[in-house]
Amino acid sequence: MNISKSRSKFMIAAVVALFVLAMVAASICAIFASGTAYAYAATDFKSVGKAAYMVDSATGTVIYARNEKDRLPIASMVKIMTALLTLEAVDRGEISLTDDVAVSEEAAGMGGSQVFLDAGSTHNLGELLKTVIVASANDSCVALAEHIAGSVSGFVARMNGRAKELGMQNTSFKNCTGLPAAESFSCAQDVATMFGELIKHPTYFDYAGIWMEDFAHPSGRKTSISNTNKLVRFYKGCDGGKTGYTSEAKFCLAATAKRDDMRIIAVIIGAPSSKERNAAVSAMFDDAFANYTNNILLKAGEPLDKRICVAGGKRDSVAITVASDVAQFMARSDSADYELRYDLKERVKAPVKLGDRLGTVYLVKNGEIISETAVVAAESVDRMNLFDAIGEIGRHWATGKK
């Protein structure tokens, strides 16, 4: 009898212990799911790292900047440009995500972070790009560079050319990986610029949110890859980023997070540890989402409530839209007066092609223009031919219109 009672007490205690453990686990998960992990919550991002920069992606509005133009080593954040050039080449049709990419001895021999590609093997281009974005694979970077430009040096020349086009005045690339190299540098502002271009490509997000996955080699072996950007799992809304570390650059991170209609880009260079790097970027996101809002006033592709008259066309007017979203980014405490002002052509001659610029819309704050966006044709209108003209005359005669 006593033994039975002892067993019952033991069972009850075990159930209670399991319940308590389950509650603790649920609480920890809730902390992570709510946004910033508890360990990151008290971080003062204004004191972490050598440089920091944060902008609203849609408008380019600078939210925070510290030493943002200082030339610093950025380690593997160099791969942001490698990924950008790859996706831009895909968009131009020069390469395809389904291409077979041959792995050279140089690519296979790269040190640092890698997926251990075999020299002479062939891999799918999209899979190699995935390993660059997720796992920061140096060997995949070199294989992609050689496939796209014929050589690493040729690819690096393209990297520097693209940086110049983007106005990145404080950047010099010496390789496509971010491994230590003399006179290789960038700055927090330039990193945000190239990362902002990269996230314009939807394909990037197909890879950037992957947490863990196996990379398959032609030989049948597999290499497990995991995302170097831990915030994609532990920060609500973070869906992309690129880490970096060398002993010279210290811990770096460029990341993006989106909540509702607001997407933020944050960059930290030179943090003393990965924990402080992640905490600082998390705190930057927290600050932005708590204190700012972004309202999409006009959405690209959606017809405006205005039309423009067309002379000599098969239709007498054309629908219009904006070429890019018109966003009102503002502090939550902002009480300024905002309005939209249009400068549109009164009439255009046919033919009108989809995307033809037909005017401008201005976002005005307290009477001053703060941004402008092109207004374009949302459809095509062909020129009226002889039979169309005869038909139009007949319709006008029948209805008595002049």
Protein backbone atom coordinates (compact mmCIF):
# COMPACT_ATOMS: atom_id res chain seq x y z
CA MET A 1 0.00 0.00 0.00
CA ASN A 2 2.79 2.41 0.93
CA ILE A 3 4.62 1.49 -2.24
CA SER A 4 1.50 2.30 -4.27
CA LYS A 5 1.15 5.68 -2.60
CA SER A 6 4.82 6.44 -3.21
CA ARG A 7 4.43 5.62 -6.89
CA SER A 8 1.38 7.85 -7.13
CA LYS A 9 3.22 10.75 -5.53
CA PHE A 10 6.15 10.19 -7.88
CA MET A 11 3.85 10.19 -10.91
CA ILE A 12 2.13 13.38 -9.76
CA ALA A 13 5.50 15.09 -9.19
CA ALA A 14 6.70 13.99 -12.62
CA VAL A 15 3.57 15.37 -14.32
CA VAL A 16 3.94 18.68 -12.47
CA ALA A 17 7.62 18.90 -13.44
CA LEU A 18 6.81 18.25 -17.10
CA PHE A 19 4.08 20.88 -16.99
CA VAL A 20 6.46 23.46 -15.52
CA LEU A 21 9.10 22.66 -18.15
CA ALA A 22 6.51 23.00 -20.92
CA MET A 23 5.44 26.40 -19.58
CA VAL A 24 9.05 27.60 -19.41
CA ALA A 25 9.68 26.41 -22.97
CA ALA A 26 6.52 28.14 -24.18
CA SER A 27 7.58 31.36 -22.48
CA ILE A 28 11.00 31.25 -24.15
CA CYS A 29 9.39 30.65 -27.55
CA ALA A 30 7.01 33.55 -26.92
CA ILE A 31 9.93 35.85 -26.17
CA PHE A 32 11.57 34.96 -29.49
CA ALA A 33 8.33 35.10 -31.44
CA SER A 34 7.43 38.53 -30.07
CA GLY A 35 10.33 40.14 -31.87
CA THR A 36 13.64 40.64 -30.16
CA ALA A 37 15.10 37.90 -28.00
CA TYR A 38 15.30 38.80 -24.32
CA ALA A 39 19.09 38.78 -24.41
CA TYR A 40 19.02 41.51 -27.06
CA ALA A 41 16.36 43.73 -25.52
CA ALA A 42 18.51 46.14 -23.50
CA THR A 43 21.19 46.76 -26.14
CA ASP A 44 22.17 50.35 -26.89
CA PHE A 45 22.86 50.12 -30.63
CA LYS A 46 24.37 53.62 -30.59
CA SER A 47 27.46 52.31 -28.82
CA VAL A 48 28.06 49.02 -30.67
CA GLY A 49 30.61 48.66 -33.44
CA LYS A 50 32.73 51.09 -35.41
CA ALA A 51 29.89 52.25 -37.69
CA ALA A 52 26.14 51.90 -38.03
CA TYR A 53 23.47 52.95 -40.51
CA MET A 54 19.72 52.46 -40.78
CA VAL A 55 17.33 53.50 -43.54
CA ASP A 56 13.76 53.03 -44.67
CA SER A 57 13.96 50.85 -47.77
CA ALA A 58 11.04 52.40 -49.65
CA THR A 59 12.03 56.06 -49.36
CA GLY A 60 15.72 55.93 -48.50
CA THR A 61 15.04 58.04 -45.42
CA VAL A 62 17.98 57.83 -43.03
CA ILE A 63 16.82 56.88 -39.54
CA TYR A 64 20.21 56.56 -37.87
CA ALA A 65 23.81 57.09 -38.93
CA ARG A 66 27.14 56.86 -37.10
CA ASN A 67 30.51 56.96 -38.88
CA GLU A 68 28.53 55.81 -41.91
CA LYS A 69 31.14 56.96 -44.45
CA ASP A 70 34.21 55.62 -42.65
CA ARG A 71 36.17 53.22 -44.86
CA LEU A 72 36.33 49.89 -43.08
CA PRO A 73 36.86 46.21 -43.91
CA ILE A 74 33.47 44.50 -44.19
CA ALA A 75 34.50 40.83 -44.48
CA SER A 76 31.85 38.61 -46.10
CA MET A 77 29.37 41.46 -46.58
CA VAL A 78 31.35 41.82 -49.84
CA LYS A 79 29.23 38.87 -51.00
CA ILE A 80 26.22 41.19 -51.16
CA MET A 81 27.68 42.55 -54.39
CA THR A 82 28.54 39.06 -55.61
CA ALA A 83 24.92 37.98 -55.16
CA LEU A 84 23.63 41.23 -56.68
CA LEU A 85 25.68 40.86 -59.87
CA THR A 86 24.58 37.24 -60.16
CA LEU A 87 20.88 38.08 -59.95
CA GLU A 88 21.24 41.06 -62.27
CA ALA A 89 22.92 38.81 -64.85
CA VAL A 90 19.99 36.40 -64.47
CA ASP A 91 17.53 39.24 -65.05
CA ARG A 92 19.35 40.28 -68.23
CA GLY A 93 19.18 36.72 -69.52
CA GLU A 94 22.97 36.35 -69.63
CA ILE A 95 22.83 33.37 -67.28
CA SER A 96 20.12 31.20 -65.77
CA LEU A 97 19.52 29.77 -62.31
CA THR A 98 19.45 26.38 -64.03
CA ASP A 99 22.92 26.75 -65.58
CA ASP A 100 25.53 24.09 -64.91
CA VAL A 101 28.56 25.69 -63.26
CA ALA A 102 31.96 23.98 -63.41
CA VAL A 103 34.11 24.15 -60.29
CA SER A 104 37.76 25.05 -60.89
CA GLU A 105 40.77 24.14 -58.78
CA GLU A 106 40.88 27.74 -57.55
CA ALA A 107 37.24 27.66 -56.45
CA ALA A 108 37.60 24.30 -54.72
CA GLY A 109 40.73 25.48 -52.93
CA MET A 110 39.16 28.48 -51.21
CA GLY A 111 39.50 28.67 -47.45
CA GLY A 112 37.18 30.10 -44.85
CA SER A 113 33.48 29.36 -44.94
CA GLN A 114 32.68 26.91 -47.73
CA VAL A 115 30.56 23.97 -48.85
CA PHE A 116 33.60 21.91 -49.87
CA LEU A 117 33.07 21.82 -53.63
CA ASP A 118 35.13 19.24 -55.53
CA ALA A 119 37.37 20.49 -58.33
CA GLY A 120 36.00 19.34 -61.68
CA SER A 121 32.47 18.89 -60.34
CA THR A 122 29.42 20.62 -61.82
CA HIS A 123 26.67 22.28 -59.85
CA ASN A 124 23.39 24.07 -60.49
CA LEU A 125 23.90 27.84 -60.45
CA GLY A 126 20.87 28.50 -58.26
CA GLU A 127 22.10 25.99 -55.68
CA LEU A 128 25.52 27.65 -55.57
CA LEU A 129 23.92 31.06 -55.14
CA LYS A 130 21.85 29.64 -52.28
CA THR A 131 25.01 28.56 -50.46
CA VAL A 132 26.44 32.07 -50.86
CA ILE A 133 23.34 33.76 -49.46
CA VAL A 134 22.67 31.24 -46.68
CA ALA A 135 26.07 29.92 -45.66
CA SER A 136 28.52 32.53 -47.06
CA ALA A 137 30.36 29.89 -49.12
CA ASN A 138 33.63 31.23 -50.52
CA ASP A 139 34.12 28.35 -52.94
CA SER A 140 30.67 28.94 -54.46
CA CYS A 141 31.46 32.66 -54.83
CA VAL A 142 34.53 31.94 -56.91
CA ALA A 143 32.73 29.36 -59.05
CA LEU A 144 29.96 31.88 -59.78
CA ALA A 145 32.43 34.67 -60.53
CA GLU A 146 34.32 32.50 -63.04
CA HIS A 147 31.08 31.36 -64.68
CA ILE A 148 29.72 34.89 -65.06
CA ALA A 149 32.83 36.86 -66.01
CA GLY A 150 35.33 34.22 -67.09
CA SER A 151 37.69 35.01 -64.23
CA VAL A 152 37.63 36.31 -60.68
CA SER A 153 39.57 39.44 -61.70
CA GLY A 154 37.04 40.17 -64.43
CA PHE A 155 34.19 39.72 -61.97
CA VAL A 156 35.81 41.99 -59.38
CA ALA A 157 36.15 44.67 -62.06
CA ARG A 158 32.40 44.37 -62.60
CA MET A 159 31.83 44.64 -58.85
CA ASN A 160 33.73 47.92 -58.69
CA GLY A 161 32.00 49.20 -61.82
CA ARG A 162 28.57 48.48 -60.33
CA ALA A 163 29.59 50.12 -57.06
CA LYS A 164 30.48 53.27 -59.00
CA GLU A 165 27.11 53.20 -60.79
CA LEU A 166 25.35 52.99 -57.43
CA GLY A 167 27.27 55.99 -56.08
CA MET A 168 29.25 53.91 -53.58
CA GLN A 169 32.12 56.37 -53.21
CA ASN A 170 33.76 54.73 -50.21
CA THR A 171 34.04 51.17 -51.52
CA SER A 172 36.84 49.19 -53.13
CA PHE A 173 36.50 45.48 -53.86
CA LYS A 174 39.61 43.30 -54.23
CA ASN A 175 37.90 39.90 -54.33
CA CYS A 176 34.41 38.41 -54.49
CA THR A 177 34.50 36.73 -51.07
CA GLY A 178 35.50 39.32 -48.49
CA LEU A 179 38.57 37.37 -47.40
CA PRO A 180 41.27 39.76 -46.12
CA ALA A 181 42.91 41.80 -48.89
CA ALA A 182 44.88 45.04 -48.89
CA GLU A 183 42.88 48.14 -49.83
CA SER A 184 39.56 46.28 -49.64
CA PHE A 185 37.01 48.42 -47.84
CA SER A 186 33.50 49.81 -47.79
CA CYS A 187 31.34 51.83 -45.42
CA ALA A 188 28.03 51.34 -43.65
CA GLN A 189 26.20 53.67 -46.04
CA ASP A 190 27.53 51.89 -49.12
CA VAL A 191 26.70 48.47 -47.67
CA ALA A 192 23.11 49.62 -47.15
CA THR A 193 23.03 50.90 -50.74
CA MET A 194 24.10 47.62 -52.35
CA PHE A 195 21.98 45.56 -49.96
CA GLY A 196 18.99 47.74 -50.87
CA GLU A 197 19.57 46.85 -54.52
CA LEU A 198 19.91 43.15 -53.74
CA ILE A 199 16.58 42.92 -51.91
CA LYS A 200 14.78 44.31 -54.96
CA HIS A 201 15.17 40.82 -56.43
CA PRO A 202 12.42 38.44 -55.25
CA THR A 203 14.70 35.45 -55.87
CA TYR A 204 16.96 36.67 -53.08
CA PHE A 205 14.22 36.04 -50.52
CA ASP A 206 13.67 32.51 -51.87
CA TYR A 207 17.07 31.71 -50.34
CA ALA A 208 17.59 34.27 -47.57
CA GLY A 209 15.03 32.80 -45.17
CA ILE A 210 16.36 29.23 -45.26
CA TRP A 211 17.51 28.20 -41.78
CA MET A 212 19.12 24.80 -42.33
CA GLU A 213 19.43 22.56 -45.37
CA ASP A 214 21.61 19.86 -46.92
CA PHE A 215 23.66 20.77 -49.99
CA ALA A 216 24.00 17.76 -52.29
CA HIS A 217 27.23 17.02 -54.16
CA PRO A 218 27.30 15.04 -57.45
CA SER A 219 29.24 12.31 -55.66
CA GLY A 220 26.30 11.70 -53.35
CA ARG A 221 27.78 13.23 -50.21
CA LYS A 222 26.02 16.08 -48.48
CA THR A 223 27.15 19.23 -46.69
CA SER A 224 24.81 20.70 -44.09
CA ILE A 225 24.44 24.46 -44.36
CA SER A 226 22.89 26.81 -41.82
CA ASN A 227 22.05 30.47 -42.07
CA THR A 228 24.78 32.74 -40.76
CA ASN A 229 22.14 35.43 -40.13
CA LYS A 230 20.45 34.17 -36.96
CA LEU A 231 17.91 37.00 -36.99
CA VAL A 232 15.90 35.32 -39.75
CA ARG A 233 14.83 32.87 -37.06
CA PHE A 234 14.93 35.00 -33.93
CA TYR A 235 13.62 38.42 -34.99
CA LYS A 236 10.03 38.90 -36.07
CA GLY A 237 9.95 40.27 -39.61
CA CYS A 238 13.63 39.71 -40.46
CA ASP A 239 13.75 37.87 -43.78
CA GLY A 240 17.22 38.57 -45.08
CA GLY A 241 20.75 39.64 -44.25
CA LYS A 242 24.46 39.09 -44.70
CA THR A 243 26.96 38.57 -41.93
CA GLY A 244 30.71 39.05 -41.99
CA TYR A 245 33.69 38.33 -39.78
CA THR A 246 37.46 38.52 -39.99
CA SER A 247 39.90 39.37 -37.22
CA GLU A 248 40.36 42.80 -38.82
CA ALA A 249 36.74 43.59 -39.67
CA LYS A 250 35.31 42.06 -36.47
CA PHE A 251 31.62 41.16 -36.53
CA CYS A 252 29.45 42.78 -39.23
CA LEU A 253 25.84 42.46 -40.32
CA ALA A 254 23.53 44.00 -42.90
CA ALA A 255 19.94 42.88 -42.40
CA THR A 256 16.40 43.76 -43.36
CA ALA A 257 13.09 43.37 -41.57
CA LYS A 258 9.56 44.12 -42.68
CA ARG A 259 6.40 44.70 -40.70
CA ASP A 260 3.19 45.81 -42.40
CA ASP A 261 4.22 48.25 -45.15
CA MET A 262 7.56 49.26 -43.64
CA ARG A 263 10.85 47.61 -44.57
CA ILE A 264 14.01 48.64 -42.73
CA ILE A 265 17.66 48.07 -43.62
CA ALA A 266 20.20 48.13 -40.77
CA VAL A 267 23.99 47.81 -40.91
CA ILE A 268 26.56 47.29 -38.16
CA ILE A 269 30.32 47.15 -38.86
CA GLY A 270 33.01 46.14 -36.39
CA ALA A 271 31.05 44.81 -33.41
CA PRO A 272 33.14 42.98 -30.78
CA SER A 273 31.05 39.78 -30.88
CA SER A 274 28.34 38.07 -32.89
CA LYS A 275 25.95 38.38 -29.94
CA GLU A 276 26.46 42.14 -29.71
CA ARG A 277 26.20 42.48 -33.49
CA ASN A 278 22.87 40.65 -33.57
CA ALA A 279 21.65 42.52 -30.51
CA ALA A 280 22.52 45.90 -31.99
CA VAL A 281 20.71 45.25 -35.28
CA SER A 282 17.70 43.88 -33.39
CA ALA A 283 17.62 47.02 -31.27
CA MET A 284 17.85 49.18 -34.39
CA PHE A 285 14.85 47.39 -35.85
CA ASP A 286 12.97 47.79 -32.56
CA ASP A 287 13.64 51.53 -32.57
CA ALA A 288 12.45 51.93 -36.16
CA PHE A 289 9.24 49.94 -35.78
CA ALA A 290 8.39 51.62 -32.47
CA ASN A 291 8.93 55.19 -33.59
CA TYR A 292 8.18 55.33 -37.31
CA THR A 293 5.48 54.34 -39.74
CA ASN A 294 5.27 53.99 -43.49
CA ASN A 295 2.03 54.52 -45.37
CA ILE A 296 1.79 53.48 -49.02
CA LEU A 297 -0.22 56.31 -50.54
CA LEU A 298 -0.06 55.09 -54.14
CA LYS A 299 0.92 51.56 -55.15
CA ALA A 300 2.89 50.87 -58.31
CA GLY A 301 0.78 49.16 -60.98
CA GLU A 302 -2.57 50.13 -59.52
CA PRO A 303 -4.55 52.58 -61.73
CA LEU A 304 -4.95 56.11 -60.40
CA ASP A 305 -8.36 57.79 -60.27
CA LYS A 306 -7.25 59.96 -63.21
CA ARG A 307 -6.90 59.36 -66.95
CA ILE A 308 -5.12 61.31 -69.69
CA CYS A 309 -6.75 62.15 -73.01
CA VAL A 310 -5.28 60.48 -76.11
CA ALA A 311 -5.47 62.12 -79.55
CA GLY A 312 -5.70 59.83 -82.57
CA GLY A 313 -5.90 56.66 -80.50
CA LYS A 314 -8.20 53.64 -80.57
CA ARG A 315 -9.28 54.83 -77.14
CA ASP A 316 -9.78 58.46 -76.23
CA SER A 317 -7.95 58.18 -72.90
CA VAL A 318 -5.31 56.09 -71.17
CA ALA A 319 -5.15 54.73 -67.61
CA ILE A 320 -2.15 55.84 -65.55
CA THR A 321 -0.24 54.56 -62.53
CA VAL A 322 2.96 55.31 -60.62
CA ALA A 323 6.27 53.69 -61.61
CA SER A 324 7.07 52.90 -57.95
CA ASP A 325 5.20 53.05 -54.68
CA VAL A 326 4.61 56.51 -53.25
CA ALA A 327 5.34 56.04 -49.55
CA GLN A 328 4.86 58.42 -46.67
CA PHE A 329 7.56 57.55 -44.15
CA MET A 330 7.23 59.54 -40.97
CA ALA A 331 7.80 59.56 -37.24
CA ARG A 332 4.74 58.47 -35.31
CA SER A 333 4.87 61.84 -33.53
CA ASP A 334 4.92 63.78 -36.83
CA SER A 335 2.01 66.25 -37.11
CA ALA A 336 3.05 67.83 -40.43
CA ASP A 337 0.63 68.37 -43.32
CA TYR A 338 1.17 66.03 -46.28
CA GLU A 339 -0.42 66.17 -49.73
CA LEU A 340 0.02 64.76 -53.24
CA ARG A 341 0.43 67.12 -56.20
CA TYR A 342 0.22 65.97 -59.81
CA ASP A 343 1.93 67.40 -62.86
CA LEU A 344 0.38 65.49 -65.79
CA LYS A 345 0.22 65.94 -69.53
CA GLU A 346 -3.22 67.18 -70.56
CA ARG A 347 -3.24 65.22 -73.81
CA VAL A 348 -0.90 62.83 -75.60
CA LYS A 349 -0.77 61.54 -79.16
CA ALA A 350 -1.21 57.88 -79.99
CA PRO A 351 0.44 55.47 -79.93
CA VAL A 352 0.98 55.24 -76.16
CA LYS A 353 3.04 52.33 -74.86
CA LEU A 354 2.69 50.67 -71.48
CA GLY A 355 5.17 52.37 -69.15
CA ASP A 356 5.52 55.62 -71.13
CA ARG A 357 6.14 58.51 -68.75
CA LEU A 358 3.18 60.88 -68.72
CA GLY A 359 3.88 63.04 -65.70
CA THR A 360 5.04 63.26 -62.10
CA VAL A 361 3.43 63.04 -58.69
CA TYR A 362 5.00 64.95 -55.82
CA LEU A 363 4.74 64.20 -52.10
CA VAL A 364 4.60 67.54 -50.32
CA LYS A 365 5.28 68.11 -46.62
CA ASN A 366 4.29 71.48 -45.12
CA GLY A 367 4.37 72.99 -48.60
CA GLU A 368 7.78 71.60 -49.57
CA ILE A 369 8.37 68.75 -52.03
CA ILE A 370 10.09 65.83 -50.29
CA SER A 371 9.88 63.20 -53.04
CA GLU A 372 8.75 62.72 -56.62
CA THR A 373 7.65 59.69 -58.58
CA ALA A 374 7.07 59.14 -62.29
CA VAL A 375 3.49 58.70 -63.52
CA VAL A 376 3.35 56.22 -66.39
CA ALA A 377 0.84 54.66 -68.76
CA ALA A 378 -0.86 51.66 -67.17
CA GLU A 379 -1.83 50.31 -70.60
CA SER A 380 -1.04 50.70 -74.29
CA VAL A 381 -3.21 52.64 -76.72
CA ASP A 382 -2.64 51.99 -80.42
CA ARG A 383 -2.92 54.64 -83.11
CA MET A 384 -6.28 54.82 -84.88
CA ASN A 385 -6.19 53.48 -88.47
CA LEU A 386 -8.38 54.45 -91.43
CA PHE A 387 -11.12 51.93 -90.63
CA ASP A 388 -11.14 53.04 -86.99
CA ALA A 389 -11.51 56.66 -88.12
CA ILE A 390 -14.43 55.79 -90.45
CA GLY A 391 -16.10 53.87 -87.64
CA GLU A 392 -15.61 56.78 -85.25
CA ILE A 393 -17.16 59.22 -87.74
CA GLY A 394 -20.12 56.85 -88.15
CA ARG A 395 -20.66 56.62 -84.39
CA HIS A 396 -20.52 60.37 -84.04
CA TRP A 397 -23.01 60.84 -86.89
CA ALA A 398 -25.36 58.28 -85.40
CA THR A 399 -25.31 59.85 -81.95
CA GLY A 400 -25.25 63.42 -83.15
CA LYS A 401 -21.92 64.12 -81.48
CA LYS A 402 -19.48 66.54 -83.01
